[in-house]
N, C-alpha and C. Protein backbone atom coordinates (compact mmCIF):
# COMPACT_ATOMS: atom_id res chain seq x y z
N MET A 1 -38.96 66.09 36.67
CA MET A 1 -39.44 66.35 38.20
C MET A 1 -38.30 66.82 38.41
N THR A 2 -38.29 67.58 39.14
CA THR A 2 -37.12 68.64 40.29
C THR A 2 -37.02 67.91 41.43
N GLN A 3 -35.66 67.98 42.08
CA GLN A 3 -35.58 67.15 43.01
C GLN A 3 -35.67 68.55 44.15
N LEU A 4 -35.92 68.07 45.11
CA LEU A 4 -35.98 69.09 46.17
C LEU A 4 -34.56 69.36 46.82
N PRO A 5 -34.29 70.67 47.54
CA PRO A 5 -33.01 70.92 48.01
C PRO A 5 -32.56 69.69 49.15
N ALA A 6 -31.57 69.63 49.37
CA ALA A 6 -30.88 68.78 50.74
C ALA A 6 -31.83 69.43 51.85
N ALA A 7 -31.81 70.62 52.09
CA ALA A 7 -32.52 71.14 53.34
C ALA A 7 -34.03 70.80 53.38
N ALA A 8 -34.75 70.82 52.26
CA ALA A 8 -35.87 70.41 52.41
C ALA A 8 -36.34 69.21 52.53
N ARG A 9 -35.60 68.33 51.95
CA ARG A 9 -35.47 66.72 52.15
C ARG A 9 -35.29 66.46 53.36
N SER A 10 -34.16 66.95 54.27
CA SER A 10 -34.09 66.46 55.47
C SER A 10 -35.16 67.20 56.33
N ALA A 11 -35.61 67.95 55.93
CA ALA A 11 -37.06 68.64 56.98
C ALA A 11 -38.26 67.67 56.85
N LEU A 12 -38.23 67.16 55.46
CA LEU A 12 -39.53 66.47 55.15
C LEU A 12 -39.00 64.83 55.81
N THR A 13 -37.81 64.53 55.74
CA THR A 13 -37.90 63.07 56.55
C THR A 13 -37.88 63.44 57.95
N LEU A 14 -37.59 64.09 58.54
CA LEU A 14 -37.91 64.74 59.91
C LEU A 14 -39.21 64.61 60.46
N ALA A 15 -40.08 65.51 59.60
CA ALA A 15 -41.18 65.33 59.77
C ALA A 15 -41.85 64.34 59.43
N VAL A 16 -41.66 63.32 58.85
CA VAL A 16 -42.21 62.03 58.50
C VAL A 16 -41.83 60.93 60.14
N LEU A 17 -40.61 61.03 60.28
CA LEU A 17 -40.40 60.44 61.47
C LEU A 17 -40.86 60.63 62.67
N SER A 18 -41.38 62.23 62.72
CA SER A 18 -41.73 62.56 64.01
C SER A 18 -42.83 61.99 64.01
N LEU A 19 -43.89 62.00 63.08
CA LEU A 19 -45.20 61.47 62.76
C LEU A 19 -45.25 60.02 63.20
N LEU A 20 -44.40 59.53 62.54
CA LEU A 20 -44.41 58.13 62.64
C LEU A 20 -43.99 57.75 64.58
N LEU A 21 -43.35 58.45 64.99
CA LEU A 21 -43.10 58.66 66.36
C LEU A 21 -44.32 58.98 67.44
N VAL A 22 -44.85 59.64 67.04
CA VAL A 22 -46.13 60.25 67.40
C VAL A 22 -47.19 59.25 67.47
N VAL A 23 -47.67 58.53 66.26
CA VAL A 23 -48.52 57.69 66.11
C VAL A 23 -47.71 56.31 66.91
N GLY A 24 -46.92 56.14 66.93
CA GLY A 24 -46.57 54.87 67.98
C GLY A 24 -46.72 55.12 69.15
N LEU A 25 -46.47 56.31 69.45
CA LEU A 25 -46.51 56.38 71.28
C LEU A 25 -47.94 56.45 71.45
N VAL A 26 -48.60 57.14 70.63
CA VAL A 26 -50.45 57.07 70.92
C VAL A 26 -50.77 55.72 71.14
N TRP A 27 -50.39 54.40 69.85
CA TRP A 27 -50.56 53.45 70.09
C TRP A 27 -49.93 52.53 70.74
N GLY A 28 -49.19 52.72 71.56
CA GLY A 28 -48.59 51.94 72.52
C GLY A 28 -49.11 52.41 73.94
N TRP A 29 -49.35 53.50 74.25
CA TRP A 29 -50.14 54.10 75.40
C TRP A 29 -51.50 53.49 75.34
N SER A 30 -52.31 53.36 74.07
CA SER A 30 -53.68 52.69 74.06
C SER A 30 -53.27 51.41 74.35
N ALA A 31 -52.48 50.64 73.94
CA ALA A 31 -52.40 49.04 74.13
C ALA A 31 -52.14 48.74 75.36
N ALA A 32 -51.25 49.86 76.41
CA ALA A 32 -50.66 49.77 77.88
C ALA A 32 -51.66 49.72 78.68
N THR A 33 -52.76 50.82 78.14
CA THR A 33 -53.71 51.18 79.28
C THR A 33 -55.17 50.29 79.15
N GLN A 34 -54.95 49.33 77.92
CA GLN A 34 -56.40 48.72 78.15
C GLN A 34 -56.39 47.45 78.98
N PRO A 35 -57.67 47.26 79.49
CA PRO A 35 -57.62 46.43 80.29
C PRO A 35 -57.54 44.88 79.56
N LEU A 36 -57.16 44.22 80.81
CA LEU A 36 -56.33 42.45 80.13
C LEU A 36 -57.91 41.79 79.55
N PRO A 37 -57.53 40.85 78.63
CA PRO A 37 -58.29 40.26 78.01
C PRO A 37 -59.47 39.46 79.09
N GLU A 38 -60.63 39.31 78.97
CA GLU A 38 -61.50 38.25 80.38
C GLU A 38 -61.00 36.72 79.50
N SER A 39 -60.88 36.16 80.82
CA SER A 39 -60.62 34.49 80.44
C SER A 39 -62.01 33.73 81.41
N ALA A 40 -61.72 32.50 80.60
CA ALA A 40 -63.05 31.70 81.35
C ALA A 40 -63.00 31.39 82.72
N THR A 41 -61.88 31.88 83.12
CA THR A 41 -61.66 31.37 84.80
C THR A 41 -61.99 32.65 85.58
N SER A 42 -62.01 32.12 86.58
CA SER A 42 -62.49 33.37 87.79
C SER A 42 -61.25 33.85 88.18
N PRO A 43 -61.20 35.19 88.90
CA PRO A 43 -60.11 35.89 89.17
C PRO A 43 -59.01 34.93 89.73
N GLY A 44 -59.30 34.02 90.96
CA GLY A 44 -58.41 33.19 91.58
C GLY A 44 -57.52 32.35 90.42
N GLY A 45 -57.88 32.32 88.94
CA GLY A 45 -57.24 31.09 88.21
C GLY A 45 -57.97 30.22 88.09
N CYS A 46 -59.01 29.81 88.77
CA CYS A 46 -59.80 28.40 88.76
C CYS A 46 -60.85 28.45 87.96
N THR A 47 -61.68 27.64 87.41
CA THR A 47 -62.91 27.12 87.02
C THR A 47 -64.10 26.73 87.80
N PRO A 48 -64.94 27.56 88.05
CA PRO A 48 -66.07 27.11 88.91
C PRO A 48 -66.60 25.71 88.42
N THR A 49 -66.84 24.74 89.21
CA THR A 49 -67.09 23.40 88.77
C THR A 49 -68.05 22.88 90.07
N THR A 50 -69.22 22.07 89.23
CA THR A 50 -70.35 21.54 90.25
C THR A 50 -69.93 19.94 90.52
N LEU A 51 -69.72 19.93 91.73
CA LEU A 51 -69.46 18.00 91.92
C LEU A 51 -70.88 17.61 92.53
N GLU A 52 -71.48 16.72 92.09
CA GLU A 52 -72.57 16.17 92.53
C GLU A 52 -72.37 15.02 93.61
N ALA A 53 -73.36 14.90 94.39
CA ALA A 53 -73.43 14.22 95.32
C ALA A 53 -73.04 12.81 95.00
N GLY A 54 -72.01 12.11 95.97
CA GLY A 54 -71.25 10.65 95.15
C GLY A 54 -70.04 11.06 94.44
N GLU A 55 -69.86 12.14 93.73
CA GLU A 55 -68.70 12.13 92.84
C GLU A 55 -67.30 12.57 93.72
N LYS A 56 -66.64 12.03 93.59
CA LYS A 56 -65.06 12.16 93.99
C LYS A 56 -64.38 13.44 93.98
N LEU A 57 -63.66 13.86 94.97
CA LEU A 57 -62.84 14.88 94.78
C LEU A 57 -61.28 14.75 94.87
N TYR A 58 -60.25 14.96 94.09
CA TYR A 58 -59.14 14.61 93.98
C TYR A 58 -58.15 15.62 94.50
N PRO A 59 -56.84 15.44 95.08
CA PRO A 59 -56.23 16.55 95.37
C PRO A 59 -55.85 17.56 94.09
N ASP A 60 -55.61 17.21 93.03
CA ASP A 60 -55.27 17.82 92.12
C ASP A 60 -56.39 18.90 91.40
N GLN A 61 -57.67 18.56 92.19
CA GLN A 61 -58.68 19.78 92.01
C GLN A 61 -58.76 20.58 93.09
N VAL A 62 -57.69 20.71 93.83
CA VAL A 62 -58.01 21.73 94.98
C VAL A 62 -56.51 22.27 95.10
N GLN A 63 -56.82 23.44 95.22
CA GLN A 63 -55.49 24.67 95.12
C GLN A 63 -55.36 24.87 96.70
N VAL A 64 -54.43 24.92 97.01
CA VAL A 64 -53.62 25.25 98.31
C VAL A 64 -52.69 26.22 98.43
N SER A 65 -52.79 27.37 99.66
CA SER A 65 -52.02 28.17 99.52
C SER A 65 -51.22 28.08 101.32
N VAL A 66 -50.17 28.17 101.62
CA VAL A 66 -49.45 27.79 102.69
C VAL A 66 -49.14 29.63 103.19
N LEU A 67 -49.47 29.72 104.57
CA LEU A 67 -48.83 30.97 104.86
C LEU A 67 -48.10 30.78 106.21
N ASN A 68 -46.99 31.29 106.41
CA ASN A 68 -46.32 31.23 107.61
C ASN A 68 -46.28 32.07 108.86
N ALA A 69 -46.74 31.57 109.77
CA ALA A 69 -46.87 32.30 110.92
C ALA A 69 -45.95 32.37 112.14
N GLY A 70 -44.87 31.40 111.97
CA GLY A 70 -43.60 31.26 112.93
C GLY A 70 -42.40 31.94 112.45
N GLU A 71 -41.25 31.43 112.67
CA GLU A 71 -40.23 32.40 112.71
C GLU A 71 -39.20 31.41 111.69
N ARG A 72 -39.55 30.30 111.25
CA ARG A 72 -38.87 29.33 110.49
C ARG A 72 -38.94 29.85 109.08
N GLY A 73 -37.68 30.32 108.52
CA GLY A 73 -37.35 31.24 107.02
C GLY A 73 -37.88 30.40 106.10
N SER A 74 -38.65 30.51 105.29
CA SER A 74 -39.30 29.79 103.66
C SER A 74 -40.07 28.59 104.29
N PHE A 75 -40.71 28.70 105.50
CA PHE A 75 -41.11 27.16 105.80
C PHE A 75 -42.38 27.12 105.20
N ALA A 76 -43.40 28.22 104.91
CA ALA A 76 -44.43 28.03 104.09
C ALA A 76 -44.13 27.51 102.49
N SER A 77 -42.96 27.89 101.98
CA SER A 77 -42.57 27.45 100.67
C SER A 77 -42.20 25.98 100.60
N ARG A 78 -41.66 25.61 101.62
CA ARG A 78 -41.37 23.94 101.98
C ARG A 78 -43.01 23.01 102.25
N VAL A 79 -43.41 23.68 103.02
CA VAL A 79 -44.74 22.80 103.13
C VAL A 79 -45.60 22.96 102.08
N LEU A 80 -45.52 24.02 101.12
CA LEU A 80 -46.35 24.36 99.89
C LEU A 80 -46.06 22.96 98.95
N ALA A 81 -44.63 22.90 98.83
CA ALA A 81 -44.06 22.05 98.14
C ALA A 81 -44.18 20.45 98.35
N GLN A 82 -44.27 20.32 99.69
CA GLN A 82 -44.80 19.20 99.92
C GLN A 82 -46.06 19.08 99.76
N LEU A 83 -46.98 19.52 100.18
CA LEU A 83 -48.62 19.37 99.46
C LEU A 83 -48.73 19.52 97.94
N THR A 84 -48.02 20.24 97.17
CA THR A 84 -47.99 19.71 95.63
C THR A 84 -47.07 18.56 95.45
N ALA A 85 -46.65 17.94 95.81
CA ALA A 85 -45.73 16.50 95.94
C ALA A 85 -46.73 15.83 96.29
N ARG A 86 -48.08 16.07 96.98
CA ARG A 86 -49.01 15.01 97.36
C ARG A 86 -50.14 15.05 96.14
N GLY A 87 -49.93 16.27 95.20
CA GLY A 87 -50.81 15.96 94.37
C GLY A 87 -52.01 17.46 94.20
N TYR A 88 -51.79 18.56 95.00
CA TYR A 88 -52.51 19.27 95.32
C TYR A 88 -51.84 20.29 94.15
N ALA A 89 -52.86 21.16 93.81
CA ALA A 89 -52.70 22.49 92.94
C ALA A 89 -52.09 23.46 93.85
N GLU A 90 -50.86 24.08 93.22
CA GLU A 90 -50.23 25.32 93.64
C GLU A 90 -50.91 26.34 94.24
N GLY A 91 -51.08 26.98 95.24
CA GLY A 91 -51.55 28.54 95.16
C GLY A 91 -50.36 29.31 95.35
N ARG A 92 -50.42 29.94 96.91
CA ARG A 92 -48.90 30.77 97.13
C ARG A 92 -48.76 30.55 98.25
N SER A 93 -47.54 31.14 98.51
CA SER A 93 -46.89 30.83 99.74
C SER A 93 -46.33 32.47 100.33
N GLY A 94 -46.71 32.22 101.40
CA GLY A 94 -45.96 33.87 102.27
C GLY A 94 -45.96 34.13 103.85
N ASN A 95 -46.09 34.83 104.27
CA ASN A 95 -45.84 35.31 105.81
C ASN A 95 -47.65 35.35 105.97
N ALA A 96 -47.63 34.89 107.06
CA ALA A 96 -49.41 35.28 107.71
C ALA A 96 -49.47 36.40 108.36
N PRO A 97 -50.51 37.10 108.39
CA PRO A 97 -50.54 38.28 109.05
C PRO A 97 -49.89 38.39 110.54
N SER A 98 -49.52 39.44 110.72
CA SER A 98 -48.93 39.57 112.05
C SER A 98 -49.82 39.42 113.36
N ASP A 99 -51.35 39.40 113.00
CA ASP A 99 -52.07 39.12 114.45
C ASP A 99 -52.28 37.40 114.52
N ALA A 100 -51.75 36.74 113.58
CA ALA A 100 -52.04 35.38 113.41
C ALA A 100 -51.15 34.65 114.36
N GLU A 101 -51.74 33.78 115.17
CA GLU A 101 -51.21 33.50 116.47
C GLU A 101 -51.45 31.90 116.40
N VAL A 102 -50.43 31.19 115.75
CA VAL A 102 -50.69 29.68 115.06
C VAL A 102 -49.37 29.05 115.71
N GLN A 103 -49.28 28.23 116.77
CA GLN A 103 -48.27 27.21 117.32
C GLN A 103 -47.91 26.52 116.23
N ARG A 104 -49.00 25.55 115.55
CA ARG A 104 -48.74 24.26 114.95
C ARG A 104 -49.19 24.65 113.32
N VAL A 105 -50.30 23.99 113.42
CA VAL A 105 -51.19 24.53 112.13
C VAL A 105 -52.58 25.00 112.42
N GLN A 106 -53.42 25.61 111.30
CA GLN A 106 -54.72 25.75 111.16
C GLN A 106 -54.93 25.93 109.56
N VAL A 107 -56.13 25.40 109.58
CA VAL A 107 -56.65 25.84 108.28
C VAL A 107 -57.71 27.10 108.40
N TRP A 108 -57.66 28.19 107.31
CA TRP A 108 -58.43 29.15 107.27
C TRP A 108 -59.33 29.23 106.24
N ALA A 109 -60.61 28.56 106.58
CA ALA A 109 -61.70 28.06 105.63
C ALA A 109 -63.21 28.86 106.16
N PRO A 110 -64.14 29.17 105.76
CA PRO A 110 -65.20 29.31 106.34
C PRO A 110 -66.16 28.26 106.74
N ASP A 111 -65.78 26.90 106.11
CA ASP A 111 -66.82 25.48 106.62
C ASP A 111 -65.86 24.66 106.19
N ARG A 112 -65.57 23.93 107.49
CA ARG A 112 -64.92 22.81 107.77
C ARG A 112 -65.56 21.55 107.30
N SER A 113 -66.80 21.80 106.76
CA SER A 113 -67.18 20.42 106.17
C SER A 113 -66.96 20.36 104.77
N ALA A 114 -66.45 21.68 103.86
CA ALA A 114 -66.35 21.61 102.63
C ALA A 114 -65.32 20.30 102.15
N PRO A 115 -65.85 19.67 101.16
CA PRO A 115 -64.58 18.85 100.62
C PRO A 115 -63.67 18.75 100.39
N GLU A 116 -63.24 20.16 100.00
CA GLU A 116 -61.78 20.36 99.71
C GLU A 116 -61.10 20.70 101.28
N VAL A 117 -61.72 21.29 102.14
CA VAL A 117 -61.22 21.63 103.15
C VAL A 117 -60.97 20.10 103.93
N GLN A 118 -61.85 19.11 103.85
CA GLN A 118 -61.60 18.09 104.50
C GLN A 118 -60.79 16.89 103.92
N LEU A 119 -60.14 17.09 102.54
CA LEU A 119 -59.15 16.34 101.82
C LEU A 119 -58.05 17.25 102.34
N VAL A 120 -57.75 18.52 102.82
CA VAL A 120 -56.55 18.93 102.84
C VAL A 120 -56.16 18.70 104.36
N LEU A 121 -57.48 18.54 104.84
CA LEU A 121 -57.06 18.60 106.89
C LEU A 121 -56.75 17.32 106.79
N SER A 122 -56.82 16.10 105.89
CA SER A 122 -56.14 14.71 105.97
C SER A 122 -54.89 14.94 105.77
N THR A 123 -53.94 15.60 105.20
CA THR A 123 -52.78 15.49 105.49
C THR A 123 -52.02 16.43 106.29
N LEU A 124 -52.55 16.88 107.35
CA LEU A 124 -52.04 17.62 108.27
C LEU A 124 -52.10 17.11 109.74
N GLY A 125 -52.88 16.17 110.06
CA GLY A 125 -52.82 15.28 111.06
C GLY A 125 -54.17 15.51 112.08
N LYS A 126 -53.84 15.20 113.18
CA LYS A 126 -55.28 15.18 113.75
C LYS A 126 -55.39 16.64 114.71
N LYS A 127 -56.95 16.77 115.01
CA LYS A 127 -57.14 18.00 115.80
C LYS A 127 -56.88 19.12 114.88
N VAL A 128 -56.60 19.73 113.88
CA VAL A 128 -56.47 20.89 112.99
C VAL A 128 -57.90 21.68 113.33
N PRO A 129 -57.36 22.75 113.84
CA PRO A 129 -58.47 24.02 114.09
C PRO A 129 -58.74 24.36 112.52
N VAL A 130 -59.97 24.85 112.35
CA VAL A 130 -60.66 25.48 111.10
C VAL A 130 -61.12 26.60 111.42
N VAL A 131 -60.50 27.61 110.95
CA VAL A 131 -60.90 29.32 111.62
C VAL A 131 -61.40 29.76 110.14
N ASP A 132 -62.52 30.44 110.54
CA ASP A 132 -63.27 31.45 109.59
C ASP A 132 -62.52 32.75 109.64
N ARG A 133 -61.58 32.93 108.68
CA ARG A 133 -60.79 34.05 108.78
C ARG A 133 -60.80 34.62 107.51
N GLY A 134 -60.73 35.76 107.06
CA GLY A 134 -60.72 36.75 105.21
C GLY A 134 -59.42 36.34 105.23
N VAL A 135 -58.98 35.67 103.85
CA VAL A 135 -57.78 35.65 103.64
C VAL A 135 -57.95 36.27 102.20
N THR A 136 -56.48 36.52 101.75
CA THR A 136 -56.29 36.78 100.00
C THR A 136 -55.78 35.79 99.46
N ALA A 137 -55.18 34.99 100.01
CA ALA A 137 -54.24 33.83 99.35
C ALA A 137 -55.62 32.94 98.45
N PRO A 138 -55.05 32.43 97.38
CA PRO A 138 -55.97 31.72 96.90
C PRO A 138 -56.16 30.06 97.05
N GLY A 139 -57.37 29.52 97.16
CA GLY A 139 -57.81 27.89 97.49
C GLY A 139 -57.97 27.97 99.02
N VAL A 140 -57.55 26.60 99.27
CA VAL A 140 -57.57 26.65 100.93
C VAL A 140 -56.67 26.86 101.50
N VAL A 141 -56.34 27.73 102.93
CA VAL A 141 -55.50 28.44 103.01
C VAL A 141 -54.80 27.35 104.42
N VAL A 142 -53.66 26.88 104.49
CA VAL A 142 -53.20 26.19 105.89
C VAL A 142 -51.84 27.48 106.42
N VAL A 143 -52.38 27.67 107.72
CA VAL A 143 -51.29 28.37 108.32
C VAL A 143 -50.14 27.61 109.28
N VAL A 144 -48.82 27.69 108.86
CA VAL A 144 -48.36 26.72 109.71
C VAL A 144 -47.19 27.63 110.46
N GLY A 145 -47.11 27.14 112.24
CA GLY A 145 -46.47 27.59 112.97
C GLY A 145 -45.21 27.08 113.30
N ASP A 146 -44.14 27.36 113.89
CA ASP A 146 -42.86 26.75 114.39
C ASP A 146 -43.02 25.24 114.69
N ARG A 147 -44.20 25.11 115.45
CA ARG A 147 -44.17 23.39 115.82
C ARG A 147 -44.89 22.26 114.97
N PHE A 148 -45.02 22.74 113.54
CA PHE A 148 -45.70 21.99 112.82
C PHE A 148 -44.10 21.14 112.02
N ASP A 149 -44.69 19.84 112.22
CA ASP A 149 -43.65 18.84 111.63
C ASP A 149 -43.49 18.75 110.23
N LYS A 150 -44.87 18.03 109.77
CA LYS A 150 -44.31 17.58 108.11
C LYS A 150 -45.99 17.39 107.83
N VAL A 151 -46.24 17.03 106.51
CA VAL A 151 -47.58 17.03 105.76
C VAL A 151 -47.37 15.56 105.50
N ARG A 152 -48.49 14.73 105.99
CA ARG A 152 -49.02 13.52 106.13
C ARG A 152 -49.48 12.76 104.79
N LYS A 153 -49.68 11.56 104.60
CA LYS A 153 -49.84 10.78 103.33
C LYS A 153 -51.02 11.61 102.80
N GLY A 154 -52.15 11.50 103.80
CA GLY A 154 -53.55 12.08 103.39
C GLY A 154 -54.37 10.92 102.65
N ARG A 155 -55.67 11.22 102.41
CA ARG A 155 -56.43 10.68 101.88
C ARG A 155 -56.11 10.84 100.14
N LYS A 156 -56.64 9.77 99.13
CA LYS A 156 -56.29 10.11 97.96
C LYS A 156 -57.34 10.58 97.19
N ASN A 157 -58.79 10.77 98.04
CA ASN A 157 -59.99 11.21 97.42
C ASN A 157 -60.88 11.50 98.84
N VAL A 158 -61.81 12.40 98.61
CA VAL A 158 -63.23 12.15 99.36
C VAL A 158 -64.58 12.18 98.65
N THR A 159 -65.34 11.50 98.70
CA THR A 159 -66.75 11.81 98.24
C THR A 159 -67.53 12.86 98.62
N VAL A 160 -67.89 13.37 98.02
CA VAL A 160 -68.57 14.45 98.07
C VAL A 160 -70.22 14.28 98.37
N ALA A 161 -70.53 14.27 99.79
CA ALA A 161 -71.98 13.84 100.19
C ALA A 161 -73.33 14.81 99.48
N LYS A 162 -73.03 16.25 99.33
CA LYS A 162 -74.10 16.43 98.82
C LYS A 162 -73.20 17.79 97.51
N SER A 163 -74.38 18.09 96.81
CA SER A 163 -73.62 18.68 95.26
C SER A 163 -73.20 20.06 96.00
N VAL A 164 -71.95 20.25 95.51
CA VAL A 164 -71.14 21.63 95.91
C VAL A 164 -70.17 21.96 94.38
N GLU A 165 -70.32 23.34 94.65
CA GLU A 165 -69.31 24.17 93.81
C GLU A 165 -68.11 24.26 94.13
N ILE A 166 -67.23 23.88 93.84
CA ILE A 166 -65.74 23.93 94.05
C ILE A 166 -65.16 24.87 92.82
N CYS A 167 -64.13 25.66 93.09
CA CYS A 167 -63.07 26.18 91.96
C CYS A 167 -62.14 25.39 91.75
N VAL A 168 -61.82 24.55 90.61
CA VAL A 168 -60.72 23.61 90.13
C VAL A 168 -59.79 24.59 89.51
N PRO A 169 -58.60 24.59 90.01
CA PRO A 169 -57.53 25.15 89.28
C PRO A 169 -57.09 24.75 87.83
N PRO A 170 -56.09 25.28 86.99
CA PRO A 170 -55.90 24.88 85.83
C PRO A 170 -55.33 23.70 85.91
N PRO A 171 -54.90 22.79 85.11
CA PRO A 171 -53.95 21.33 85.33
C PRO A 171 -52.66 21.75 85.17
N ARG A 172 -51.91 21.29 85.77
CA ARG A 172 -50.37 21.63 86.20
C ARG A 172 -49.56 21.02 84.82
N VAL A 173 -48.86 21.92 84.67
CA VAL A 173 -47.99 22.07 82.97
C VAL A 173 -46.55 21.27 83.66
N SER A 174 -46.36 20.41 83.10
CA SER A 174 -45.01 19.71 83.32
C SER A 174 -44.04 19.71 82.76
């Protein structure tokens, strides 16, 4: 067998390496642009679950997000931490839209009588308004203003009056 001259070996090596580079780039681009795999949970990260009349709903089955409509820095995160300490699943915290006028506290949900809303309301005090307003935060949305003082103990559970579908968040990882 004859050996290739040094210049030919170098050219062949560069050609093979270039081919490997192109294959790697094509494979990487293909992998990066593929849609993410589907999961058994909904887009909000929760699993749709039906509770029948008479069953109990517990705080760990309810995801809560908190939005700050006041001037206190990091207030939404502090209130969310208080709610998760009470057993609620953590949603997200952030600022409320600029047109939100909340002095103390509101819950933004379409149905005041929903069992998950009732459970969250029990931790916020008396006469908390429930406003039907579209939001992008997951779960039951609590909007706090500067005059909100603290999260109360609240109920340990609520009994569901009629069959209802709720979105149960994944279990908390300790």
